[in-house]
Amino acid sequence: MDLVMEAYRIASLFPAEEKYGLKVQVQRSAVSIPANIAEGYGRSHLGDYLHHLSIAMGSLQELDTYIEIVRRLKLLAEGDLKLLLQLIESVGRMLTRLIQSLTAKH
C-alpha cells in the first residue's frame, strides 16, 4: 500500500500533458499490485494464489518500466523518484520470496 501511495504522489508531480498518459499508467500498474495479491490470497487454491502473485510481479515490473521512462524523459528530478524506486525494489524482493516459499509447498 505504501508503494501505491508513493506512486500516486509521484504521478501528481507529472506535467499536465501526461494526465492521460504516463500518469494513468503509473497509477493503474501500482494499484494492480496489492489488488492482485489480495485477490489471489482470497482464492481457495494455492495455484490461483501463485497465478495472482505472478500477475502482481508483472505489474511491479510494468511500474518499474514506466518510472524508467519518466527518468529517461527527465519528467521529474532523480531525487523525486528515489523513494518509489526503493519501494519497487523492496516489494519485488518480498514478492519473490513469497512466490518461492509457496512454490516449495506446491
N, C-alpha and C. Protein backbone atom coordinates (compact mmCIF):
# COMPACT_ATOMS: atom_id res chain seq x y z
N MET A 1 0.83 -1.19 0.00
CA MET A 1 0.00 0.00 0.00
C MET A 1 0.87 1.26 0.00
N ASP A 2 2.02 1.19 0.68
CA ASP A 2 2.94 2.34 0.67
C ASP A 2 3.41 2.63 -0.76
N LEU A 3 3.64 1.56 -1.51
CA LEU A 3 4.05 1.71 -2.91
C LEU A 3 2.98 2.45 -3.71
N VAL A 4 1.73 2.10 -3.50
CA VAL A 4 0.62 2.76 -4.21
C VAL A 4 0.57 4.24 -3.84
N MET A 5 0.67 4.52 -2.56
CA MET A 5 0.61 5.91 -2.11
C MET A 5 1.75 6.74 -2.72
N GLU A 6 2.94 6.18 -2.75
CA GLU A 6 4.09 6.89 -3.32
C GLU A 6 3.94 7.04 -4.83
N ALA A 7 3.42 6.02 -5.49
CA ALA A 7 3.21 6.11 -6.94
C ALA A 7 2.21 7.22 -7.27
N TYR A 8 1.17 7.33 -6.48
CA TYR A 8 0.19 8.40 -6.68
C TYR A 8 0.81 9.77 -6.42
N ARG A 9 1.66 9.85 -5.39
CA ARG A 9 2.33 11.13 -5.10
C ARG A 9 3.21 11.54 -6.28
N ILE A 10 3.98 10.59 -6.79
CA ILE A 10 4.86 10.86 -7.93
C ILE A 10 4.03 11.25 -9.15
N ALA A 11 2.96 10.51 -9.41
CA ALA A 11 2.12 10.79 -10.57
C ALA A 11 1.52 12.19 -10.50
N SER A 12 1.26 12.67 -9.30
CA SER A 12 0.68 14.02 -9.16
C SER A 12 1.69 15.10 -9.55
N LEU A 13 2.97 14.75 -9.62
CA LEU A 13 4.01 15.70 -9.99
C LEU A 13 4.25 15.77 -11.50
N PHE A 14 3.65 14.85 -12.24
CA PHE A 14 3.87 14.81 -13.69
C PHE A 14 3.33 16.08 -14.35
N PRO A 15 3.92 16.45 -15.48
CA PRO A 15 3.40 17.59 -16.23
C PRO A 15 1.96 17.34 -16.68
N ALA A 16 1.22 18.40 -16.88
CA ALA A 16 -0.20 18.31 -17.25
C ALA A 16 -0.42 17.47 -18.51
N GLU A 17 0.51 17.52 -19.45
CA GLU A 17 0.32 16.76 -20.70
C GLU A 17 0.38 15.25 -20.49
N GLU A 18 0.80 14.80 -19.32
CA GLU A 18 0.83 13.37 -19.02
C GLU A 18 -0.40 12.90 -18.26
N LYS A 19 -1.39 13.78 -18.12
CA LYS A 19 -2.60 13.46 -17.36
C LYS A 19 -3.26 12.16 -17.84
N TYR A 20 -3.28 11.94 -19.14
CA TYR A 20 -3.92 10.74 -19.69
C TYR A 20 -2.90 9.75 -20.26
N GLY A 21 -1.63 9.99 -19.99
CA GLY A 21 -0.58 9.12 -20.48
C GLY A 21 0.09 8.36 -19.35
N LEU A 22 1.31 8.74 -19.07
CA LEU A 22 2.09 8.04 -18.04
C LEU A 22 1.46 8.11 -16.66
N LYS A 23 0.81 9.21 -16.34
CA LYS A 23 0.19 9.34 -15.01
C LYS A 23 -0.79 8.20 -14.76
N VAL A 24 -1.67 7.97 -15.69
CA VAL A 24 -2.68 6.92 -15.55
C VAL A 24 -2.02 5.55 -15.52
N GLN A 25 -1.01 5.34 -16.35
CA GLN A 25 -0.34 4.04 -16.40
C GLN A 25 0.39 3.73 -15.09
N VAL A 26 1.05 4.74 -14.53
CA VAL A 26 1.75 4.55 -13.25
C VAL A 26 0.74 4.20 -12.16
N GLN A 27 -0.35 4.94 -12.10
CA GLN A 27 -1.36 4.69 -11.08
C GLN A 27 -2.00 3.31 -11.24
N ARG A 28 -2.35 2.97 -12.47
CA ARG A 28 -3.01 1.69 -12.74
C ARG A 28 -2.11 0.50 -12.38
N SER A 29 -0.85 0.57 -12.80
CA SER A 29 0.05 -0.56 -12.51
C SER A 29 0.33 -0.67 -11.01
N ALA A 30 0.44 0.46 -10.32
CA ALA A 30 0.69 0.43 -8.88
C ALA A 30 -0.48 -0.18 -8.12
N VAL A 31 -1.70 0.21 -8.48
CA VAL A 31 -2.90 -0.31 -7.81
C VAL A 31 -3.06 -1.80 -8.08
N SER A 32 -2.65 -2.24 -9.25
CA SER A 32 -2.79 -3.64 -9.63
C SER A 32 -1.98 -4.58 -8.73
N ILE A 33 -0.90 -4.09 -8.17
CA ILE A 33 -0.02 -4.94 -7.36
C ILE A 33 -0.73 -5.45 -6.10
N PRO A 34 -1.16 -4.59 -5.18
CA PRO A 34 -1.83 -5.13 -3.99
C PRO A 34 -3.20 -5.74 -4.31
N ALA A 35 -3.85 -5.25 -5.36
CA ALA A 35 -5.16 -5.82 -5.72
C ALA A 35 -5.01 -7.28 -6.12
N ASN A 36 -4.00 -7.61 -6.90
CA ASN A 36 -3.80 -8.99 -7.32
C ASN A 36 -3.32 -9.86 -6.16
N ILE A 37 -2.51 -9.30 -5.27
CA ILE A 37 -2.08 -10.06 -4.10
C ILE A 37 -3.32 -10.42 -3.27
N ALA A 38 -4.17 -9.44 -3.03
CA ALA A 38 -5.38 -9.67 -2.23
C ALA A 38 -6.32 -10.66 -2.91
N GLU A 39 -6.51 -10.49 -4.22
CA GLU A 39 -7.43 -11.40 -4.93
C GLU A 39 -6.90 -12.83 -4.87
N GLY A 40 -5.61 -13.00 -5.09
CA GLY A 40 -5.04 -14.34 -5.05
C GLY A 40 -5.13 -14.96 -3.67
N TYR A 41 -4.90 -14.15 -2.65
CA TYR A 41 -4.98 -14.64 -1.27
C TYR A 41 -6.39 -15.10 -0.94
N GLY A 42 -7.37 -14.46 -1.53
CA GLY A 42 -8.77 -14.82 -1.28
C GLY A 42 -9.24 -16.06 -2.02
N ARG A 43 -8.42 -16.56 -2.90
CA ARG A 43 -8.78 -17.78 -3.65
C ARG A 43 -8.55 -19.01 -2.79
N SER A 44 -9.26 -20.07 -3.11
CA SER A 44 -9.17 -21.28 -2.28
C SER A 44 -8.05 -22.23 -2.70
N HIS A 45 -7.43 -21.99 -3.83
CA HIS A 45 -6.38 -22.89 -4.30
C HIS A 45 -5.04 -22.17 -4.37
N LEU A 46 -4.00 -22.85 -3.93
CA LEU A 46 -2.65 -22.29 -3.93
C LEU A 46 -2.22 -21.89 -5.34
N GLY A 47 -2.59 -22.69 -6.32
CA GLY A 47 -2.24 -22.37 -7.71
C GLY A 47 -2.82 -21.03 -8.14
N ASP A 48 -4.05 -20.75 -7.71
CA ASP A 48 -4.66 -19.45 -8.03
C ASP A 48 -3.89 -18.31 -7.37
N TYR A 49 -3.49 -18.52 -6.13
CA TYR A 49 -2.72 -17.51 -5.40
C TYR A 49 -1.40 -17.23 -6.13
N LEU A 50 -0.70 -18.30 -6.51
CA LEU A 50 0.56 -18.14 -7.22
C LEU A 50 0.35 -17.41 -8.55
N HIS A 51 -0.72 -17.72 -9.24
CA HIS A 51 -1.03 -17.05 -10.50
C HIS A 51 -1.20 -15.54 -10.28
N HIS A 52 -1.94 -15.16 -9.26
CA HIS A 52 -2.17 -13.75 -8.99
C HIS A 52 -0.90 -13.06 -8.49
N LEU A 53 -0.07 -13.77 -7.76
CA LEU A 53 1.22 -13.21 -7.35
C LEU A 53 2.09 -12.95 -8.58
N SER A 54 2.01 -13.83 -9.55
CA SER A 54 2.75 -13.64 -10.80
C SER A 54 2.25 -12.40 -11.54
N ILE A 55 0.95 -12.20 -11.55
CA ILE A 55 0.38 -11.00 -12.18
C ILE A 55 0.84 -9.75 -11.42
N ALA A 56 0.86 -9.82 -10.10
CA ALA A 56 1.34 -8.69 -9.29
C ALA A 56 2.80 -8.38 -9.61
N MET A 57 3.61 -9.41 -9.79
CA MET A 57 5.01 -9.21 -10.14
C MET A 57 5.13 -8.56 -11.52
N GLY A 58 4.28 -8.97 -12.44
CA GLY A 58 4.27 -8.34 -13.76
C GLY A 58 3.89 -6.87 -13.68
N SER A 59 2.92 -6.55 -12.85
CA SER A 59 2.52 -5.15 -12.67
C SER A 59 3.64 -4.34 -12.03
N LEU A 60 4.37 -4.96 -11.12
CA LEU A 60 5.51 -4.29 -10.49
C LEU A 60 6.57 -3.97 -11.55
N GLN A 61 6.84 -4.92 -12.42
CA GLN A 61 7.82 -4.69 -13.49
C GLN A 61 7.33 -3.62 -14.46
N GLU A 62 6.04 -3.63 -14.71
CA GLU A 62 5.44 -2.60 -15.56
C GLU A 62 5.64 -1.22 -14.94
N LEU A 63 5.36 -1.10 -13.64
CA LEU A 63 5.55 0.17 -12.94
C LEU A 63 7.01 0.60 -13.01
N ASP A 64 7.91 -0.32 -12.78
CA ASP A 64 9.34 -0.02 -12.85
C ASP A 64 9.71 0.51 -14.24
N THR A 65 9.15 -0.08 -15.27
CA THR A 65 9.41 0.36 -16.64
C THR A 65 8.89 1.77 -16.87
N TYR A 66 7.69 2.06 -16.40
CA TYR A 66 7.14 3.41 -16.55
C TYR A 66 8.02 4.44 -15.85
N ILE A 67 8.53 4.08 -14.68
CA ILE A 67 9.39 5.01 -13.94
C ILE A 67 10.72 5.20 -14.67
N GLU A 68 11.21 4.16 -15.30
CA GLU A 68 12.43 4.30 -16.11
C GLU A 68 12.17 5.24 -17.30
N ILE A 69 11.00 5.16 -17.88
CA ILE A 69 10.64 6.07 -18.97
C ILE A 69 10.59 7.51 -18.45
N VAL A 70 10.00 7.69 -17.27
CA VAL A 70 9.95 9.02 -16.65
C VAL A 70 11.36 9.55 -16.45
N ARG A 71 12.26 8.69 -15.99
CA ARG A 71 13.66 9.09 -15.78
C ARG A 71 14.30 9.51 -17.09
N ARG A 72 14.14 8.68 -18.11
CA ARG A 72 14.79 8.96 -19.40
C ARG A 72 14.23 10.21 -20.08
N LEU A 73 12.94 10.45 -19.88
CA LEU A 73 12.33 11.67 -20.43
C LEU A 73 12.61 12.90 -19.56
N LYS A 74 13.20 12.64 -18.39
CA LYS A 74 13.52 13.71 -17.43
C LYS A 74 12.27 14.52 -17.05
N LEU A 75 11.17 13.79 -16.84
CA LEU A 75 9.93 14.45 -16.43
C LEU A 75 9.98 14.88 -14.97
N LEU A 76 10.78 14.17 -14.17
CA LEU A 76 10.94 14.51 -12.75
C LEU A 76 12.41 14.41 -12.39
N ALA A 77 12.77 15.08 -11.32
CA ALA A 77 14.14 15.01 -10.82
C ALA A 77 14.40 13.63 -10.22
N GLU A 78 15.61 13.19 -10.32
CA GLU A 78 16.00 11.87 -9.80
C GLU A 78 15.64 11.72 -8.32
N GLY A 79 15.83 12.78 -7.55
CA GLY A 79 15.52 12.74 -6.13
C GLY A 79 14.06 12.49 -5.84
N ASP A 80 13.18 12.96 -6.72
CA ASP A 80 11.74 12.75 -6.55
C ASP A 80 11.38 11.27 -6.67
N LEU A 81 12.17 10.53 -7.41
CA LEU A 81 11.86 9.13 -7.69
C LEU A 81 12.50 8.15 -6.71
N LYS A 82 13.39 8.64 -5.86
CA LYS A 82 14.20 7.77 -5.01
C LYS A 82 13.37 6.82 -4.14
N LEU A 83 12.41 7.35 -3.41
CA LEU A 83 11.60 6.51 -2.51
C LEU A 83 10.80 5.48 -3.30
N LEU A 84 10.20 5.90 -4.40
CA LEU A 84 9.41 4.96 -5.21
C LEU A 84 10.29 3.83 -5.73
N LEU A 85 11.48 4.15 -6.19
CA LEU A 85 12.39 3.11 -6.68
C LEU A 85 12.79 2.15 -5.56
N GLN A 86 12.99 2.68 -4.37
CA GLN A 86 13.31 1.82 -3.23
C GLN A 86 12.14 0.90 -2.89
N LEU A 87 10.93 1.43 -2.95
CA LEU A 87 9.75 0.62 -2.66
C LEU A 87 9.54 -0.45 -3.73
N ILE A 88 9.78 -0.12 -4.98
CA ILE A 88 9.67 -1.11 -6.07
C ILE A 88 10.64 -2.26 -5.80
N GLU A 89 11.86 -1.93 -5.44
CA GLU A 89 12.86 -2.96 -5.16
C GLU A 89 12.46 -3.81 -3.96
N SER A 90 11.99 -3.17 -2.91
CA SER A 90 11.60 -3.87 -1.69
C SER A 90 10.41 -4.81 -1.94
N VAL A 91 9.40 -4.31 -2.60
CA VAL A 91 8.22 -5.13 -2.90
C VAL A 91 8.61 -6.28 -3.82
N GLY A 92 9.50 -6.03 -4.75
CA GLY A 92 9.97 -7.10 -5.64
C GLY A 92 10.64 -8.23 -4.86
N ARG A 93 11.46 -7.86 -3.88
CA ARG A 93 12.10 -8.89 -3.05
C ARG A 93 11.07 -9.67 -2.24
N MET A 94 10.10 -8.95 -1.67
CA MET A 94 9.07 -9.64 -0.86
C MET A 94 8.24 -10.58 -1.73
N LEU A 95 7.84 -10.12 -2.89
CA LEU A 95 7.04 -10.97 -3.78
C LEU A 95 7.84 -12.19 -4.22
N THR A 96 9.10 -11.99 -4.56
CA THR A 96 9.94 -13.11 -4.99
C THR A 96 10.05 -14.16 -3.89
N ARG A 97 10.30 -13.71 -2.65
CA ARG A 97 10.41 -14.66 -1.53
C ARG A 97 9.09 -15.38 -1.27
N LEU A 98 7.98 -14.65 -1.35
CA LEU A 98 6.68 -15.27 -1.13
C LEU A 98 6.39 -16.31 -2.20
N ILE A 99 6.65 -15.98 -3.44
CA ILE A 99 6.42 -16.92 -4.54
C ILE A 99 7.32 -18.16 -4.36
N GLN A 100 8.57 -17.96 -4.03
CA GLN A 100 9.47 -19.09 -3.81
C GLN A 100 9.00 -19.97 -2.67
N SER A 101 8.57 -19.35 -1.59
CA SER A 101 8.10 -20.10 -0.43
C SER A 101 6.86 -20.92 -0.77
N LEU A 102 5.93 -20.29 -1.45
CA LEU A 102 4.69 -21.00 -1.80
C LEU A 102 4.92 -22.07 -2.87
N THR A 103 5.83 -21.81 -3.78
CA THR A 103 6.15 -22.79 -4.81
C THR A 103 6.75 -24.05 -4.20
N ALA A 104 7.55 -23.88 -3.16
CA ALA A 104 8.16 -25.03 -2.48
C ALA A 104 7.09 -25.90 -1.84
N LYS A 105 5.96 -25.31 -1.44
CA LYS A 105 4.86 -26.07 -0.83
C LYS A 105 3.96 -26.69 -1.89
N HIS A 106 3.99 -26.18 -3.08
CA HIS A 106 3.06 -26.58 -4.16
C HIS A 106 3.48 -27.83 -4.80
